[in-house]
């Protein structure tokens, strides 16, 4: 047997929870007054206290909304260290390799592409190829059935790969 309520509001809530409440009359539309109010989430402890009606005494003023700070520019060394750490190099090895990468290539902007192309530990191969004027794009050129990048990855000496690339460049 359903409970009986002496308060009509409690009875309406109970029926609403059971889903047996009165449906809205046909032809009526919901108005903004019928819509649930959106409650703003408090941003500071002072806002919470005010919303709860608590008097906590004088509170510091609300902090002004600050725009996010511009991210600090990374030094070339830190950028290379981060790339090497992403390539799963141990931290101490990444620090040593970053120095060698920066010493071996003239432009730090090209280091990410070379790391991707030849691997995180092959700074010497990148330096040798760059010294002969080759770019990362040249590594994709096919040399006798395999690209220069593939040949380097398979362990072919850098000097042989450079010789093959130079031979492909010469007009016959």
N, C-alpha and C. Protein backbone atom coordinates (compact mmCIF):
# COMPACT_ATOMS: atom_id res chain seq x y z
N UNK A 1 0.86 -1.17 0.00
CA UNK A 1 0.00 0.00 0.00
C UNK A 1 0.90 1.23 0.00
N UNK A 2 0.64 2.18 -0.90
CA UNK A 2 1.48 3.37 -0.97
C UNK A 2 1.31 4.23 0.28
N UNK A 3 2.35 4.92 0.67
CA UNK A 3 2.23 5.78 1.84
C UNK A 3 1.32 6.97 1.53
N UNK A 4 0.74 7.48 2.57
CA UNK A 4 -0.11 8.67 2.40
C UNK A 4 0.65 9.88 2.94
N UNK A 5 0.53 10.97 2.24
CA UNK A 5 1.22 12.19 2.61
C UNK A 5 0.20 13.26 2.92
N UNK A 6 0.48 14.03 3.96
CA UNK A 6 -0.39 15.16 4.28
C UNK A 6 0.10 16.42 3.58
N UNK A 7 1.32 16.35 3.08
CA UNK A 7 1.88 17.51 2.39
C UNK A 7 1.78 17.25 0.88
N UNK A 8 1.09 18.09 0.12
CA UNK A 8 0.93 17.86 -1.32
C UNK A 8 2.28 17.90 -2.07
N UNK A 9 3.21 18.67 -1.56
CA UNK A 9 4.52 18.75 -2.21
C UNK A 9 5.26 17.42 -2.10
N UNK A 10 5.26 16.81 -0.92
CA UNK A 10 5.90 15.51 -0.73
C UNK A 10 5.23 14.44 -1.59
N UNK A 11 3.90 14.51 -1.70
CA UNK A 11 3.19 13.55 -2.53
C UNK A 11 3.58 13.70 -4.00
N UNK A 12 3.74 14.93 -4.47
CA UNK A 12 4.14 15.17 -5.86
C UNK A 12 5.56 14.65 -6.10
N UNK A 13 6.45 14.86 -5.14
CA UNK A 13 7.82 14.35 -5.27
C UNK A 13 7.81 12.83 -5.32
N UNK A 14 7.03 12.21 -4.46
CA UNK A 14 6.95 10.76 -4.41
C UNK A 14 6.43 10.20 -5.74
N UNK A 15 5.38 10.80 -6.25
CA UNK A 15 4.82 10.34 -7.54
C UNK A 15 5.82 10.56 -8.68
N UNK A 16 6.54 11.66 -8.62
CA UNK A 16 7.53 11.94 -9.66
C UNK A 16 8.63 10.89 -9.64
N UNK A 17 9.08 10.50 -8.43
CA UNK A 17 10.11 9.50 -8.33
C UNK A 17 9.63 8.14 -8.83
N UNK A 18 8.39 7.83 -8.60
CA UNK A 18 7.85 6.56 -9.08
C UNK A 18 7.50 6.61 -10.56
N UNK A 19 7.41 7.81 -11.11
CA UNK A 19 7.04 7.95 -12.51
C UNK A 19 5.55 7.89 -12.72
N UNK A 20 4.79 8.09 -11.65
CA UNK A 20 3.32 8.04 -11.78
C UNK A 20 2.71 9.42 -11.65
N UNK A 21 3.55 10.45 -11.80
CA UNK A 21 3.03 11.81 -11.67
C UNK A 21 2.13 12.16 -12.83
N UNK A 22 1.43 13.22 -12.70
CA UNK A 22 0.53 13.68 -13.75
C UNK A 22 1.35 14.17 -14.93
N UNK A 23 1.10 13.70 -16.15
CA UNK A 23 1.79 14.24 -17.30
C UNK A 23 1.32 15.67 -17.56
N UNK A 24 2.15 16.49 -18.22
CA UNK A 24 1.72 17.85 -18.50
C UNK A 24 0.50 17.84 -19.41
N UNK A 25 -0.31 18.83 -19.24
CA UNK A 25 -1.52 18.93 -20.05
C UNK A 25 -1.16 19.03 -21.53
N UNK A 26 -1.99 18.44 -22.37
CA UNK A 26 -1.74 18.46 -23.80
C UNK A 26 -1.79 19.89 -24.32
N UNK A 27 -0.80 20.24 -25.15
CA UNK A 27 -0.78 21.57 -25.74
C UNK A 27 -0.01 22.60 -24.93
N UNK A 28 0.46 22.22 -23.73
CA UNK A 28 1.22 23.19 -22.94
C UNK A 28 2.70 23.03 -23.28
N UNK A 29 3.43 24.10 -23.15
CA UNK A 29 4.87 24.08 -23.42
C UNK A 29 5.61 24.52 -22.17
N UNK A 30 6.80 23.98 -22.04
CA UNK A 30 7.64 24.38 -20.91
C UNK A 30 8.12 25.81 -21.13
N UNK A 31 8.13 26.58 -20.08
CA UNK A 31 8.62 27.95 -20.14
C UNK A 31 9.95 28.01 -19.40
N UNK A 32 10.71 29.08 -19.58
CA UNK A 32 11.97 29.17 -18.85
C UNK A 32 11.79 29.05 -17.34
N UNK A 33 10.65 29.45 -16.83
CA UNK A 33 10.42 29.33 -15.39
C UNK A 33 10.32 27.87 -14.97
N UNK A 34 9.89 26.99 -15.88
CA UNK A 34 9.78 25.58 -15.57
C UNK A 34 11.12 24.84 -15.68
N UNK A 35 12.08 25.44 -16.34
CA UNK A 35 13.37 24.80 -16.57
C UNK A 35 14.20 24.85 -15.29
N UNK A 36 15.04 23.84 -15.08
CA UNK A 36 15.89 23.88 -13.88
C UNK A 36 16.93 24.99 -13.99
N UNK A 37 17.22 25.61 -12.86
CA UNK A 37 18.19 26.70 -12.81
C UNK A 37 19.60 26.14 -12.85
N UNK A 38 20.47 26.78 -13.58
CA UNK A 38 21.86 26.38 -13.62
C UNK A 38 22.58 27.04 -12.46
N UNK A 39 23.22 26.22 -11.66
CA UNK A 39 23.91 26.74 -10.49
C UNK A 39 25.39 26.90 -10.84
N UNK A 40 25.92 28.07 -10.58
CA UNK A 40 27.32 28.33 -10.84
C UNK A 40 28.16 27.66 -9.77
N UNK A 41 29.21 26.99 -10.18
CA UNK A 41 30.12 26.33 -9.24
C UNK A 41 30.98 27.41 -8.57
N UNK A 42 31.10 27.36 -7.24
CA UNK A 42 31.93 28.35 -6.56
C UNK A 42 33.39 28.18 -6.94
N UNK A 43 34.09 29.31 -7.09
CA UNK A 43 35.49 29.27 -7.51
C UNK A 43 36.47 29.36 -6.35
N UNK A 44 36.08 29.98 -5.29
CA UNK A 44 36.99 30.17 -4.17
C UNK A 44 36.31 29.71 -2.89
N UNK A 45 37.10 29.52 -1.82
CA UNK A 45 36.48 29.18 -0.54
C UNK A 45 35.51 30.26 -0.07
N UNK A 46 35.82 31.52 -0.39
CA UNK A 46 34.90 32.61 -0.02
C UNK A 46 33.56 32.47 -0.71
N UNK A 47 33.57 32.03 -1.98
CA UNK A 47 32.31 31.82 -2.71
C UNK A 47 31.50 30.70 -2.06
N UNK A 48 32.19 29.65 -1.61
CA UNK A 48 31.50 28.55 -0.94
C UNK A 48 30.85 29.05 0.35
N UNK A 49 31.62 29.84 1.11
CA UNK A 49 31.09 30.36 2.37
C UNK A 49 29.87 31.24 2.12
N UNK A 50 29.96 32.12 1.10
CA UNK A 50 28.81 32.98 0.80
C UNK A 50 27.60 32.16 0.35
N UNK A 51 27.83 31.12 -0.45
CA UNK A 51 26.73 30.30 -0.94
C UNK A 51 26.06 29.54 0.19
N UNK A 52 26.83 29.17 1.20
CA UNK A 52 26.28 28.44 2.34
C UNK A 52 25.75 29.36 3.43
N UNK A 53 25.94 30.65 3.24
CA UNK A 53 25.45 31.60 4.24
C UNK A 53 26.33 31.67 5.47
N UNK A 54 27.60 31.34 5.34
CA UNK A 54 28.51 31.38 6.47
C UNK A 54 29.20 32.74 6.53
N UNK A 55 29.46 33.20 7.74
CA UNK A 55 30.19 34.45 7.92
C UNK A 55 31.57 34.08 8.45
N UNK A 56 32.56 34.13 7.58
CA UNK A 56 33.91 33.78 7.97
C UNK A 56 34.75 35.00 8.26
N UNK A 57 34.13 36.12 8.39
CA UNK A 57 34.86 37.35 8.62
C UNK A 57 35.38 37.92 7.31
N UNK A 58 36.29 38.85 7.40
CA UNK A 58 36.80 39.44 6.17
C UNK A 58 37.62 38.42 5.38
N UNK A 59 37.23 38.24 4.15
CA UNK A 59 37.93 37.31 3.28
C UNK A 59 38.73 38.09 2.24
N UNK A 60 39.82 37.53 1.77
CA UNK A 60 40.56 38.23 0.73
C UNK A 60 39.69 38.35 -0.52
N UNK A 61 39.90 39.38 -1.31
CA UNK A 61 39.09 39.55 -2.51
C UNK A 61 39.31 38.40 -3.49
N UNK A 62 38.35 38.23 -4.40
CA UNK A 62 38.46 37.18 -5.40
C UNK A 62 39.68 37.44 -6.27
N UNK A 63 40.41 36.40 -6.59
CA UNK A 63 41.56 36.62 -7.47
C UNK A 63 41.09 37.01 -8.86
N UNK A 64 41.80 37.94 -9.46
CA UNK A 64 41.46 38.36 -10.81
C UNK A 64 41.77 37.21 -11.77
N UNK A 65 40.95 37.08 -12.77
CA UNK A 65 41.17 36.02 -13.75
C UNK A 65 42.40 36.37 -14.58
N UNK A 66 43.38 35.48 -14.52
CA UNK A 66 44.62 35.73 -15.24
C UNK A 66 44.64 34.88 -16.51
N UNK A 67 45.13 35.46 -17.57
CA UNK A 67 45.28 34.69 -18.78
C UNK A 67 46.48 33.76 -18.60
N UNK A 68 46.43 32.59 -19.23
CA UNK A 68 47.55 31.66 -19.06
C UNK A 68 48.84 32.28 -19.56
N UNK A 69 49.88 32.04 -18.82
CA UNK A 69 51.18 32.60 -19.17
C UNK A 69 51.70 31.94 -20.45
N UNK A 70 52.46 32.68 -21.20
CA UNK A 70 53.08 32.13 -22.40
C UNK A 70 54.09 31.07 -21.97
N UNK A 71 54.04 29.90 -22.60
CA UNK A 71 54.99 28.88 -22.19
C UNK A 71 56.42 29.35 -22.45
N UNK A 72 57.28 29.01 -21.54
CA UNK A 72 58.67 29.41 -21.67
C UNK A 72 59.30 28.67 -22.85
N UNK A 73 60.11 29.40 -23.60
CA UNK A 73 60.78 28.78 -24.72
C UNK A 73 61.91 27.89 -24.20
N UNK A 74 61.98 26.70 -24.73
CA UNK A 74 63.01 25.76 -24.30
C UNK A 74 64.33 26.09 -24.98
N UNK A 75 65.39 25.88 -24.27
CA UNK A 75 66.71 26.02 -24.88
C UNK A 75 66.89 24.88 -25.88
N UNK A 76 67.76 25.05 -26.87
CA UNK A 76 67.99 23.94 -27.82
C UNK A 76 68.42 22.65 -27.11
N UNK A 77 69.24 22.78 -26.10
CA UNK A 77 69.70 21.59 -25.37
C UNK A 77 68.52 20.88 -24.70
N UNK A 78 67.65 21.66 -24.05
CA UNK A 78 66.51 21.05 -23.37
C UNK A 78 65.55 20.42 -24.37
N UNK A 79 65.39 21.05 -25.53
CA UNK A 79 64.52 20.49 -26.57
C UNK A 79 65.06 19.13 -27.03
N UNK A 80 66.37 19.05 -27.24
CA UNK A 80 66.98 17.79 -27.69
C UNK A 80 66.89 16.74 -26.59
N UNK A 81 67.13 17.13 -25.35
CA UNK A 81 67.01 16.18 -24.23
C UNK A 81 65.59 15.63 -24.16
N UNK A 82 64.59 16.50 -24.31
CA UNK A 82 63.20 16.04 -24.27
C UNK A 82 62.92 15.05 -25.41
N UNK A 83 63.43 15.34 -26.61
CA UNK A 83 63.24 14.42 -27.73
C UNK A 83 63.87 13.06 -27.45
N UNK A 84 65.07 13.09 -26.89
CA UNK A 84 65.75 11.83 -26.59
C UNK A 84 65.04 11.05 -25.48
N UNK A 85 64.50 11.75 -24.51
CA UNK A 85 63.74 11.07 -23.46
C UNK A 85 62.47 10.45 -24.04
N UNK A 86 61.83 11.14 -24.99
CA UNK A 86 60.64 10.57 -25.65
C UNK A 86 61.01 9.34 -26.47
N UNK A 87 62.26 9.29 -26.94
CA UNK A 87 62.73 8.13 -27.70
C UNK A 87 63.23 7.03 -26.76
N UNK A 88 62.92 7.14 -25.48
CA UNK A 88 63.21 6.13 -24.46
C UNK A 88 64.70 5.97 -24.16
N UNK A 89 65.45 7.05 -24.26
CA UNK A 89 66.85 7.03 -23.82
C UNK A 89 66.88 7.27 -22.32
N UNK A 90 67.76 6.59 -21.60
CA UNK A 90 67.90 6.89 -20.16
C UNK A 90 68.35 8.35 -19.97
N UNK A 91 67.98 8.94 -18.86
CA UNK A 91 68.21 10.37 -18.62
C UNK A 91 69.69 10.75 -18.76
N UNK A 92 70.60 10.01 -18.13
CA UNK A 92 72.02 10.35 -18.22
C UNK A 92 72.53 10.25 -19.65
N UNK A 93 72.09 9.22 -20.35
CA UNK A 93 72.50 9.07 -21.74
C UNK A 93 71.91 10.19 -22.59
N UNK A 94 70.68 10.58 -22.31
CA UNK A 94 70.04 11.67 -23.08
C UNK A 94 70.81 12.98 -22.89
N UNK A 95 71.28 13.24 -21.69
CA UNK A 95 72.04 14.47 -21.45
C UNK A 95 73.35 14.46 -22.24
N UNK A 96 74.04 13.32 -22.26
CA UNK A 96 75.30 13.23 -23.00
C UNK A 96 75.05 13.30 -24.51
N UNK A 97 74.02 12.60 -24.98
CA UNK A 97 73.72 12.60 -26.41
C UNK A 97 73.28 13.98 -26.90
N UNK A 98 72.56 14.72 -26.07
CA UNK A 98 72.12 16.06 -26.48
C UNK A 98 73.31 16.94 -26.79
N UNK A 99 74.33 16.87 -25.97
CA UNK A 99 75.54 17.66 -26.21
C UNK A 99 76.18 17.25 -27.54
N UNK A 100 76.27 15.95 -27.79
CA UNK A 100 76.89 15.47 -29.02
C UNK A 100 76.06 15.85 -30.25
N UNK A 101 74.72 15.79 -30.14
CA UNK A 101 73.87 16.20 -31.25
C UNK A 101 74.08 17.68 -31.57
N UNK A 102 74.13 18.51 -30.54
CA UNK A 102 74.30 19.94 -30.76
C UNK A 102 75.67 20.27 -31.33
N UNK A 103 76.69 19.50 -30.98
CA UNK A 103 78.02 19.73 -31.52
C UNK A 103 78.15 19.24 -32.96
N UNK A 104 77.40 18.21 -33.31
CA UNK A 104 77.59 17.59 -34.62
C UNK A 104 76.81 18.27 -35.75
N UNK A 105 75.70 18.92 -35.45
CA UNK A 105 74.90 19.56 -36.50
C UNK A 105 74.93 21.07 -36.32
N UNK A 106 74.95 21.79 -37.45
CA UNK A 106 75.04 23.24 -37.40
C UNK A 106 73.72 23.87 -36.94
N UNK A 107 72.59 23.28 -37.31
CA UNK A 107 71.29 23.89 -36.99
C UNK A 107 70.52 23.01 -35.99
N UNK A 108 70.26 23.54 -34.81
CA UNK A 108 69.48 22.75 -33.83
C UNK A 108 68.05 22.47 -34.30
N UNK A 109 67.54 23.30 -35.23
CA UNK A 109 66.18 23.08 -35.72
C UNK A 109 66.05 21.77 -36.49
N UNK A 110 67.14 21.29 -37.06
CA UNK A 110 67.10 20.07 -37.87
C UNK A 110 67.27 18.80 -37.03
N UNK A 111 67.66 18.94 -35.80
CA UNK A 111 67.94 17.76 -34.97
C UNK A 111 66.73 16.85 -34.80
N UNK A 112 65.51 17.37 -34.56
CA UNK A 112 64.37 16.44 -34.43
C UNK A 112 64.17 15.57 -35.67
N UNK A 113 64.32 16.15 -36.84
CA UNK A 113 64.14 15.36 -38.06
C UNK A 113 65.23 14.30 -38.19
N UNK A 114 66.47 14.66 -37.87
CA UNK A 114 67.56 13.69 -37.95
C UNK A 114 67.40 12.58 -36.92
N UNK A 115 66.94 12.92 -35.72
CA UNK A 115 66.72 11.89 -34.70
C UNK A 115 65.68 10.89 -35.18
N UNK A 116 64.62 11.40 -35.81
CA UNK A 116 63.58 10.52 -36.34
C UNK A 116 64.12 9.67 -37.48
N UNK A 117 64.98 10.26 -38.31
CA UNK A 117 65.46 9.56 -39.50
C UNK A 117 66.51 8.49 -39.19
N UNK A 118 67.50 8.82 -38.36
CA UNK A 118 68.62 7.88 -38.16
C UNK A 118 68.63 7.24 -36.78
N UNK A 119 67.81 7.72 -35.86
CA UNK A 119 67.78 7.15 -34.52
C UNK A 119 68.43 8.08 -33.51
N UNK A 120 68.09 7.91 -32.25
CA UNK A 120 68.56 8.85 -31.22
C UNK A 120 70.06 8.79 -30.94
N UNK A 121 70.72 7.68 -31.25
CA UNK A 121 72.14 7.57 -30.91
C UNK A 121 73.06 7.75 -32.11
N UNK A 122 72.55 8.02 -33.29
CA UNK A 122 73.35 8.07 -34.51
C UNK A 122 73.69 9.51 -34.91
N UNK A 123 74.12 10.32 -33.97
CA UNK A 123 74.49 11.70 -34.27
C UNK A 123 75.65 11.76 -35.26
N UNK A 124 76.55 10.77 -35.21
CA UNK A 124 77.70 10.75 -36.12
C UNK A 124 77.25 10.53 -37.57
N UNK A 125 76.25 9.65 -37.78
CA UNK A 125 75.73 9.42 -39.12
C UNK A 125 75.05 10.67 -39.65
N UNK A 126 74.28 11.33 -38.80
CA UNK A 126 73.61 12.56 -39.23
C UNK A 126 74.62 13.63 -39.59
N UNK A 127 75.69 13.75 -38.81
CA UNK A 127 76.72 14.75 -39.08
C UNK A 127 77.43 14.46 -40.39
N UNK A 128 77.74 13.19 -40.63
CA UNK A 128 78.43 12.81 -41.87
C UNK A 128 77.55 13.10 -43.09
N UNK A 129 76.29 12.73 -43.02
CA UNK A 129 75.37 12.98 -44.13
C UNK A 129 75.17 14.47 -44.36
N UNK A 130 75.01 15.23 -43.28
CA UNK A 130 74.83 16.68 -43.41
C UNK A 130 76.10 17.33 -43.96
N UNK A 131 77.27 16.84 -43.59
CA UNK A 131 78.53 17.39 -44.07
C UNK A 131 78.66 17.24 -45.59
N UNK A 132 78.06 16.18 -46.14
CA UNK A 132 78.08 15.95 -47.59
C UNK A 132 76.91 16.62 -48.29
N UNK A 133 76.08 17.36 -47.54
CA UNK A 133 74.99 18.13 -48.14
C UNK A 133 73.68 17.38 -48.28
N UNK A 134 73.55 16.24 -47.65
CA UNK A 134 72.31 15.48 -47.74
C UNK A 134 71.34 15.93 -46.65
N UNK A 135 70.06 15.77 -46.94
CA UNK A 135 69.02 16.11 -45.97
C UNK A 135 68.27 14.84 -45.59
N UNK A 136 67.34 14.98 -44.70
CA UNK A 136 66.53 13.84 -44.26
C UNK A 136 65.73 13.28 -45.43
N UNK A 137 65.29 14.15 -46.32
CA UNK A 137 64.51 13.72 -47.48
C UNK A 137 65.35 12.81 -48.38
N UNK A 138 66.64 13.08 -48.48
CA UNK A 138 67.52 12.25 -49.32
C UNK A 138 67.62 10.82 -48.81
N UNK A 139 67.36 10.60 -47.55
CA UNK A 139 67.45 9.25 -46.99
C UNK A 139 66.35 8.33 -47.51
N UNK A 140 65.30 8.89 -48.06
CA UNK A 140 64.21 8.07 -48.58
C UNK A 140 64.46 7.64 -50.03
N UNK A 141 65.52 8.13 -50.64
CA UNK A 141 65.84 7.78 -52.02
C UNK A 141 66.24 6.31 -52.08
N UNK A 142 65.68 5.55 -53.06
CA UNK A 142 66.06 4.14 -53.17
C UNK A 142 67.47 3.99 -53.72
N UNK A 143 68.23 3.13 -53.08
CA UNK A 143 69.61 2.83 -53.49
C UNK A 143 69.73 1.32 -53.69
N UNK A 144 69.69 0.88 -54.91
CA UNK A 144 69.81 -0.55 -55.22
C UNK A 144 68.78 -1.38 -54.45
N UNK A 145 67.55 -0.93 -54.44
CA UNK A 145 66.46 -1.71 -53.86
C UNK A 145 66.09 -1.37 -52.42
N UNK A 146 66.90 -0.63 -51.71
CA UNK A 146 66.58 -0.25 -50.33
C UNK A 146 66.94 1.22 -50.13
N UNK A 147 66.14 1.92 -49.35
CA UNK A 147 66.41 3.33 -49.11
C UNK A 147 67.65 3.50 -48.23
N UNK A 148 68.22 4.69 -48.30
CA UNK A 148 69.40 4.98 -47.48
C UNK A 148 69.05 4.84 -46.00
N UNK A 149 67.87 5.25 -45.65
CA UNK A 149 67.43 5.13 -44.24
C UNK A 149 67.39 3.67 -43.81
N UNK A 150 66.87 2.82 -44.68
CA UNK A 150 66.78 1.38 -44.37
C UNK A 150 68.18 0.78 -44.26
N UNK A 151 69.07 1.20 -45.16
CA UNK A 151 70.43 0.67 -45.13
C UNK A 151 71.14 1.06 -43.82
N UNK A 152 70.93 2.31 -43.40
CA UNK A 152 71.52 2.73 -42.11
C UNK A 152 70.94 1.94 -40.96
N UNK A 153 69.62 1.72 -41.01
CA UNK A 153 68.95 0.96 -39.96
C UNK A 153 69.41 -0.49 -39.91
N UNK A 154 69.78 -1.04 -41.07
CA UNK A 154 70.26 -2.42 -41.12
C UNK A 154 71.72 -2.56 -40.74
N UNK A 155 72.38 -1.43 -40.46
CA UNK A 155 73.75 -1.49 -39.97
C UNK A 155 74.82 -1.25 -41.02
N UNK A 156 74.43 -0.83 -42.22
CA UNK A 156 75.44 -0.55 -43.23
C UNK A 156 76.24 0.68 -42.79
N UNK A 157 77.57 0.66 -42.96
CA UNK A 157 78.38 1.80 -42.54
C UNK A 157 77.96 3.10 -43.24
N UNK A 158 78.10 4.19 -42.53
CA UNK A 158 77.68 5.49 -43.03
C UNK A 158 78.46 5.85 -44.30
N UNK A 159 79.73 5.53 -44.32
CA UNK A 159 80.54 5.84 -45.49
C UNK A 159 80.03 5.18 -46.75
N UNK A 160 79.58 3.94 -46.66
CA UNK A 160 79.03 3.26 -47.83
C UNK A 160 77.73 3.90 -48.28
N UNK A 161 76.88 4.27 -47.33
CA UNK A 161 75.61 4.91 -47.67
C UNK A 161 75.88 6.26 -48.34
N UNK A 162 76.85 7.01 -47.82
CA UNK A 162 77.21 8.30 -48.43
C UNK A 162 77.72 8.07 -49.84
N UNK A 163 78.58 7.06 -50.05
CA UNK A 163 79.09 6.77 -51.38
C UNK A 163 77.97 6.40 -52.34
N UNK A 164 77.01 5.61 -51.88
CA UNK A 164 75.87 5.24 -52.73
C UNK A 164 75.03 6.46 -53.08
N UNK A 165 74.80 7.33 -52.10
CA UNK A 165 74.03 8.55 -52.38
C UNK A 165 74.76 9.46 -53.35
N UNK A 166 76.07 9.58 -53.20
CA UNK A 166 76.85 10.41 -54.12
C UNK A 166 76.84 9.82 -55.53
N UNK A 167 76.88 8.49 -55.62
CA UNK A 167 76.86 7.84 -56.93
C UNK A 167 75.52 8.05 -57.62
N UNK A 168 74.44 8.08 -56.84
CA UNK A 168 73.11 8.32 -57.43
C UNK A 168 72.95 9.76 -57.89
N UNK A 169 73.68 10.68 -57.27
CA UNK A 169 73.55 12.08 -57.64
C UNK A 169 74.27 12.41 -58.94
N UNK A 170 75.36 11.70 -59.23
CA UNK A 170 76.17 12.02 -60.40
C UNK A 170 75.38 11.69 -61.67
N UNK A 171 75.37 12.61 -62.62
CA UNK A 171 74.72 12.29 -63.90
C UNK A 171 75.59 11.30 -64.67
N UNK A 172 74.95 10.33 -65.28
CA UNK A 172 75.68 9.31 -66.01
C UNK A 172 75.77 9.64 -67.46
